[in-house]
């Protein structure tokens, strides 16, 4: 066989051997998002997914599976093959809170997933109808004056605005009238209309109303002021340390994912969050990037579980 023929055969064999790996790499990565399109988690996921696709050299498809506080998405991810082609955007609420407020779950938050990386935090802002109060001390004084004299809207029993209310009551020694709505948007509308006095919602949900003056922001439930609302003080600055909550998320994979796939995905997520354009887009919508590996996410979930279990005693999801 001539040298040219040998080279040709070698090239064919190399192509045949490489084809499965190339096909696997070209297969779409499915990123399951537990809430509907247009929400905070969805927006963050899509920004990061776009950059992850560039880092990985393969398509990253966002799949929205909303419902049951994230449980529908979590069940789908838990049952997926651990082949490195399915990931779940998981809030700390899904992993640390849902086990406390749901009598039964279709997944085991501690055993069915492998943490891959931290993702982002979108803090809550405590907002009131402008007729209710001008500042946080005045609002808390009114709440303490008479039990359940001040009303608070939530997105449902056990939801993150409800969690924020329970935390506020614990820290401020006050008891507000809890009014549950079907969604965070509905509770915000109720505050705008003056039907309830206050709520706490993710920064992008209320920032426009705060700028327009139709809602008054009393504080940010975050350790630092936000670039989106730099004029709004943190609760700690106003004498209420520890009042911190919001939408905190990370990415997990089905348990059993190969170590090589896990490392590859974690590296792509870290690179995506480090990209200046990704950071800028997240900050513009009131979200703080949270770089960190799977171990950091696991530690956060453990800390959140310990924090919320006492406050959620007796609370059941609707």
Protein backbone atom coordinates (compact mmCIF):
# COMPACT_ATOMS: atom_id res chain seq x y z
CA UNK A 1 0.00 0.00 0.00
CA UNK A 2 1.40 3.42 -0.93
CA UNK A 3 2.11 6.07 1.66
CA UNK A 4 -0.73 8.21 0.28
CA UNK A 5 -3.15 5.30 0.62
CA UNK A 6 -2.00 4.65 4.18
CA UNK A 7 -2.59 8.27 5.11
CA UNK A 8 -6.03 8.16 3.56
CA UNK A 9 -6.98 5.02 5.48
CA UNK A 10 -5.63 6.51 8.72
CA UNK A 11 -7.72 9.63 8.20
CA UNK A 12 -10.85 7.60 7.62
CA UNK A 13 -10.23 5.50 10.74
CA UNK A 14 -9.59 8.62 12.84
CA UNK A 15 -12.82 10.13 11.59
CA UNK A 16 -14.78 6.99 12.39
CA UNK A 17 -13.32 6.81 15.91
CA UNK A 18 -13.93 10.50 16.59
CA UNK A 19 -17.48 10.59 15.22
CA UNK A 20 -19.26 9.34 18.39
CA UNK A 21 -17.45 11.88 20.57
CA UNK A 22 -18.21 14.69 18.16
CA UNK A 23 -21.84 13.65 17.92
CA UNK A 24 -22.10 13.55 21.74
CA UNK A 25 -20.57 16.99 22.03
CA UNK A 26 -22.92 18.38 19.38
CA UNK A 27 -26.00 17.02 21.17
CA UNK A 28 -28.03 19.72 22.90
CA UNK A 29 -27.63 20.24 26.61
CA UNK A 30 -31.02 20.58 28.32
CA UNK A 31 -31.22 23.23 31.04
CA UNK A 32 -34.50 22.73 32.92
CA UNK A 33 -35.88 25.92 34.47
CA UNK A 34 -38.48 25.43 37.24
CA UNK A 35 -40.47 28.60 36.55
CA UNK A 36 -42.20 30.15 33.56
CA UNK A 37 -40.75 32.29 30.76
CA UNK A 38 -40.08 35.92 31.64
CA UNK A 39 -39.56 35.35 35.35
CA UNK A 40 -36.38 36.13 37.23
CA UNK A 41 -35.05 32.58 37.20
CA UNK A 42 -35.83 32.24 33.50
CA UNK A 43 -34.07 35.50 32.61
CA UNK A 44 -30.95 34.56 34.57
CA UNK A 45 -30.93 31.06 33.09
CA UNK A 46 -31.15 32.31 29.51
CA UNK A 47 -28.32 34.81 29.95
CA UNK A 48 -26.06 32.12 31.38
CA UNK A 49 -27.18 29.42 28.92
CA UNK A 50 -26.29 31.62 25.96
CA UNK A 51 -22.73 32.01 27.20
CA UNK A 52 -22.46 28.36 28.28
CA UNK A 53 -23.22 27.29 24.71
CA UNK A 54 -20.19 29.26 23.52
CA UNK A 55 -17.98 27.79 26.24
CA UNK A 56 -19.10 24.21 25.58
CA UNK A 57 -19.33 24.39 21.81
CA UNK A 58 -22.78 22.79 21.87
CA UNK A 59 -26.38 24.06 21.99
CA UNK A 60 -27.88 24.74 25.43
CA UNK A 61 -31.67 24.58 25.29
CA UNK A 62 -33.70 26.17 28.09
CA UNK A 63 -36.75 24.06 28.94
CA UNK A 64 -39.35 25.71 31.19
CA UNK A 65 -41.21 23.30 33.47
CA UNK A 66 -43.22 25.49 35.81
CA UNK A 67 -45.50 24.41 38.62
CA UNK A 68 -45.72 23.19 42.21
CA UNK A 69 -42.98 25.48 43.50
CA UNK A 70 -40.37 23.93 41.22
CA UNK A 71 -41.27 20.33 42.07
CA UNK A 72 -42.34 19.43 38.52
CA UNK A 73 -38.98 20.49 37.11
CA UNK A 74 -37.08 18.81 39.93
CA UNK A 75 -38.88 15.51 39.33
CA UNK A 76 -38.06 15.66 35.61
CA UNK A 77 -34.39 16.29 36.34
CA UNK A 78 -34.20 13.60 39.01
CA UNK A 79 -35.53 11.02 36.55
CA UNK A 80 -33.27 12.11 33.67
CA UNK A 81 -30.27 10.05 32.59
CA UNK A 82 -27.08 11.16 34.37
CA UNK A 83 -25.25 11.58 31.08
CA UNK A 84 -24.21 15.20 31.42
CA UNK A 85 -26.89 16.38 28.99
CA UNK A 86 -29.51 17.43 31.55
CA UNK A 87 -29.11 20.14 34.16
CA UNK A 88 -31.59 21.78 36.53
CA UNK A 89 -31.59 25.36 37.69
CA UNK A 90 -32.52 24.85 41.34
CA UNK A 91 -33.41 27.57 43.81
CA UNK A 92 -32.46 27.16 47.44
CA UNK A 93 -36.20 27.19 48.06
CA UNK A 94 -36.62 23.98 46.07
CA UNK A 95 -33.83 22.20 47.93
CA UNK A 96 -34.02 23.74 51.42
CA UNK A 97 -37.60 24.96 51.81
CA UNK A 98 -39.83 22.59 49.82
CA UNK A 99 -38.87 19.54 51.91
CA UNK A 100 -40.19 21.44 54.95
CA UNK A 101 -43.50 22.67 53.52
CA UNK A 102 -44.62 19.83 51.23
CA UNK A 103 -45.98 16.68 52.85
CA UNK A 104 -44.64 14.58 49.96
CA UNK A 105 -42.16 15.33 47.20
CA UNK A 106 -41.56 13.41 43.96
CA UNK A 107 -37.80 13.71 44.50
CA UNK A 108 -35.30 13.58 47.32
CA UNK A 109 -33.53 16.93 47.49
CA UNK A 110 -30.56 15.46 49.36
CA UNK A 111 -30.02 12.28 47.33
CA UNK A 112 -31.27 12.76 43.76
CA UNK A 113 -28.96 15.56 42.64
CA UNK A 114 -25.29 16.41 42.34
CA UNK A 115 -24.56 20.13 42.86
CA UNK A 116 -22.64 21.57 39.92
CA UNK A 117 -22.26 25.29 40.66
CA UNK A 118 -23.76 28.35 42.25
CA UNK A 119 -25.48 30.73 39.87
CA UNK A 120 -27.02 33.99 41.09
CA UNK A 121 -28.94 35.86 43.76
CA UNK A 122 -31.80 38.29 43.15
CA UNK A 123 -32.56 39.97 46.49
CA UNK A 124 -36.00 40.98 47.67
CA UNK A 125 -36.98 44.60 48.15
CA UNK A 126 -39.49 45.46 50.87
CA UNK A 127 -42.02 47.79 49.24
CA UNK A 128 -45.15 49.52 50.49
CA UNK A 129 -47.93 51.61 49.08
CA UNK A 130 -46.63 55.20 49.44
CA UNK A 131 -49.57 56.05 51.73
CA UNK A 132 -48.53 53.41 54.27
CA UNK A 133 -45.09 54.51 55.50
CA UNK A 134 -42.14 56.69 54.58
CA UNK A 135 -39.37 54.55 56.08
CA UNK A 136 -38.62 51.17 57.63
CA UNK A 137 -38.64 52.31 61.29
CA UNK A 138 -42.07 53.89 60.81
CA UNK A 139 -43.40 50.79 59.08
CA UNK A 140 -42.16 48.50 61.86
CA UNK A 141 -43.53 50.81 64.55
CA UNK A 142 -46.97 50.61 62.95
CA UNK A 143 -46.70 46.83 62.70
CA UNK A 144 -45.73 46.54 66.38
CA UNK A 145 -48.42 48.91 67.59
CA UNK A 146 -51.21 46.41 67.05
CA UNK A 147 -51.03 42.76 66.03
CA UNK A 148 -51.97 42.18 62.37
CA UNK A 149 -52.76 45.89 61.89
CA UNK A 150 -50.48 46.01 58.83
CA UNK A 151 -51.12 43.64 55.91
CA UNK A 152 -48.55 41.82 53.79
CA UNK A 153 -49.15 40.17 50.42
CA UNK A 154 -47.41 36.94 49.43
CA UNK A 155 -47.23 34.69 46.37
CA UNK A 156 -48.78 31.85 48.36
CA UNK A 157 -48.12 29.89 51.51
CA UNK A 158 -44.45 28.96 51.71
CA UNK A 159 -43.45 31.21 48.79
CA UNK A 160 -40.35 33.38 49.03
CA UNK A 161 -42.36 36.56 49.88
CA UNK A 162 -44.01 34.54 52.66
CA UNK A 163 -40.59 33.39 53.86
CA UNK A 164 -39.44 37.01 53.91
CA UNK A 165 -42.46 37.98 56.00
CA UNK A 166 -41.76 35.21 58.52
CA UNK A 167 -38.15 36.34 58.75
CA UNK A 168 -39.21 39.97 59.24
CA UNK A 169 -41.64 39.04 62.00
CA UNK A 170 -38.98 37.02 63.76
CA UNK A 171 -36.35 39.75 63.61
CA UNK A 172 -38.62 42.74 64.28
CA UNK A 173 -40.89 41.23 66.95
CA UNK A 174 -43.98 42.20 64.98
CA UNK A 175 -46.93 40.29 63.58
CA UNK A 176 -48.49 41.34 60.27
CA UNK A 177 -51.70 40.22 58.60
CA UNK A 178 -50.75 37.65 55.95
CA UNK A 179 -52.70 37.79 52.69
CA UNK A 180 -51.90 35.02 50.20
CA UNK A 181 -52.25 35.61 46.45
CA UNK A 182 -51.79 33.23 43.54
CA UNK A 183 -48.58 34.93 42.37
CA UNK A 184 -46.04 37.56 43.21
CA UNK A 185 -47.37 39.77 40.43
CA UNK A 186 -50.85 39.66 41.98
CA UNK A 187 -49.51 40.64 45.41
CA UNK A 188 -47.60 43.58 43.90
CA UNK A 189 -50.77 44.73 42.13
CA UNK A 190 -52.60 44.55 45.45
CA UNK A 191 -50.01 46.82 47.07
CA UNK A 192 -50.24 49.24 44.14
CA UNK A 193 -54.03 49.33 44.54
CA UNK A 194 -53.80 49.83 48.29
CA UNK A 195 -55.55 46.55 49.05
CA UNK A 196 -52.57 45.40 51.15
CA UNK A 197 -49.88 47.52 52.72
CA UNK A 198 -46.66 45.78 51.81
CA UNK A 199 -44.81 42.91 50.20
CA UNK A 200 -41.29 41.81 49.37
CA UNK A 201 -40.46 40.82 45.83
CA UNK A 202 -37.46 40.29 43.57
CA UNK A 203 -35.73 43.51 42.59
CA UNK A 204 -36.65 43.52 38.86
CA UNK A 205 -40.33 42.97 39.67
CA UNK A 206 -40.63 46.17 41.71
CA UNK A 207 -37.78 48.41 40.50
CA UNK A 208 -39.87 50.11 37.81
CA UNK A 209 -42.66 50.90 40.26
CA UNK A 210 -40.14 52.26 42.77
CA UNK A 211 -38.64 54.56 40.14
CA UNK A 212 -42.11 55.72 39.10
CA UNK A 213 -43.03 56.49 42.69
CA UNK A 214 -46.03 54.15 42.74
CA UNK A 215 -44.28 51.94 45.30
CA UNK A 216 -41.93 53.04 48.06
CA UNK A 217 -38.90 50.85 48.75
CA UNK A 218 -38.15 50.69 52.47
CA UNK A 219 -35.05 48.49 52.27
CA UNK A 220 -33.20 45.84 50.32
CA UNK A 221 -33.06 42.40 51.92
CA UNK A 222 -29.43 41.95 50.92
CA UNK A 223 -25.98 42.37 52.49
CA UNK A 224 -25.10 45.21 50.08
CA UNK A 225 -26.93 47.91 48.16
CA UNK A 226 -27.86 47.04 44.59
CA UNK A 227 -26.63 48.75 41.44
CA UNK A 228 -30.21 48.76 40.12
CA UNK A 229 -31.53 50.68 43.18
CA UNK A 230 -28.44 52.27 44.75
CA UNK A 231 -30.50 54.78 46.72
CA UNK A 232 -32.30 52.04 48.70
CA UNK A 233 -30.54 51.13 51.94
CA UNK A 234 -30.03 47.60 53.19
CA UNK A 235 -32.03 46.47 56.21
CA UNK A 236 -28.80 46.25 58.25
CA UNK A 237 -28.07 49.91 57.54
CA UNK A 238 -31.49 50.73 59.01
CA UNK A 239 -31.02 48.70 62.18
CA UNK A 240 -32.39 45.31 61.12
CA UNK A 241 -29.37 43.02 60.58
CA UNK A 242 -30.08 39.53 59.28
CA UNK A 243 -33.03 40.57 57.17
CA UNK A 244 -31.77 39.01 53.95
CA UNK A 245 -33.72 36.92 51.46
CA UNK A 246 -34.50 36.59 47.77
CA UNK A 247 -34.19 34.21 44.88
CA UNK A 248 -30.89 32.33 45.15
CA UNK A 249 -30.15 29.66 42.58
CA UNK A 250 -27.55 27.14 41.52
CA UNK A 251 -27.29 24.35 38.99
CA UNK A 252 -27.54 20.65 39.77
CA UNK A 253 -27.32 17.47 37.71
CA UNK A 254 -28.99 14.09 38.15
CA UNK A 255 -27.14 11.97 40.68
CA UNK A 256 -24.57 9.72 39.01
CA UNK A 257 -23.20 12.19 36.45
CA UNK A 258 -19.64 11.17 35.44
CA UNK A 259 -16.85 13.17 37.07
CA UNK A 260 -15.47 14.30 33.71
CA UNK A 261 -18.85 15.65 32.58
CA UNK A 262 -19.36 17.35 35.95
CA UNK A 263 -15.98 19.08 35.75
CA UNK A 264 -16.59 20.19 32.16
CA UNK A 265 -19.99 21.68 32.98
CA UNK A 266 -18.78 23.38 36.16
CA UNK A 267 -15.94 24.97 34.21
CA UNK A 268 -18.33 26.26 31.54
CA UNK A 269 -20.67 27.78 34.14
CA UNK A 270 -17.75 29.46 35.93
CA UNK A 271 -16.50 30.90 32.65
CA UNK A 272 -19.99 32.12 31.76
CA UNK A 273 -20.42 33.93 35.08
CA UNK A 274 -16.96 35.47 34.74
CA UNK A 275 -17.75 36.96 31.33
CA UNK A 276 -18.10 40.77 31.66
CA UNK A 277 -21.13 40.92 29.38
CA UNK A 278 -22.94 38.27 31.44
CA UNK A 279 -22.18 40.09 34.67
CA UNK A 280 -23.37 43.38 33.19
CA UNK A 281 -26.67 41.87 32.00
CA UNK A 282 -27.35 40.27 35.35
CA UNK A 283 -26.53 43.40 37.33
CA UNK A 284 -28.79 45.48 35.07
CA UNK A 285 -31.76 43.38 36.12
CA UNK A 286 -30.97 43.51 39.83
CA UNK A 287 -29.23 40.15 40.07
CA UNK A 288 -25.89 39.45 41.72
CA UNK A 289 -23.73 36.72 40.10
CA UNK A 290 -22.66 34.08 42.61
CA UNK A 291 -19.61 32.22 41.34
CA UNK A 292 -18.93 29.04 43.28
CA UNK A 293 -18.51 25.33 42.76
CA UNK A 294 -20.85 22.48 43.63
CA UNK A 295 -19.45 22.18 47.14
CA UNK A 296 -20.21 25.86 47.78
CA UNK A 297 -23.78 25.34 46.58
CA UNK A 298 -24.18 22.31 48.85
CA UNK A 299 -22.96 24.33 51.85
CA UNK A 300 -25.41 27.12 51.04
CA UNK A 301 -28.33 24.69 50.82
CA UNK A 302 -27.36 23.19 54.18
CA UNK A 303 -27.20 26.64 55.77
CA UNK A 304 -30.55 27.64 54.27
CA UNK A 305 -32.15 24.42 55.49
CA UNK A 306 -31.01 25.18 59.04
CA UNK A 307 -32.19 28.79 58.75
CA UNK A 308 -35.68 28.15 57.44
CA UNK A 309 -36.82 24.99 59.19
CA UNK A 310 -37.64 26.71 62.51
CA UNK A 311 -39.40 29.62 60.80
CA UNK A 312 -41.48 27.34 58.56
CA UNK A 313 -42.72 25.06 61.32
CA UNK A 314 -46.41 24.47 60.66
CA UNK A 315 -46.37 26.10 57.21
CA UNK A 316 -47.75 23.98 54.38
CA UNK A 317 -47.65 24.77 50.68
CA UNK A 318 -50.99 25.49 49.06
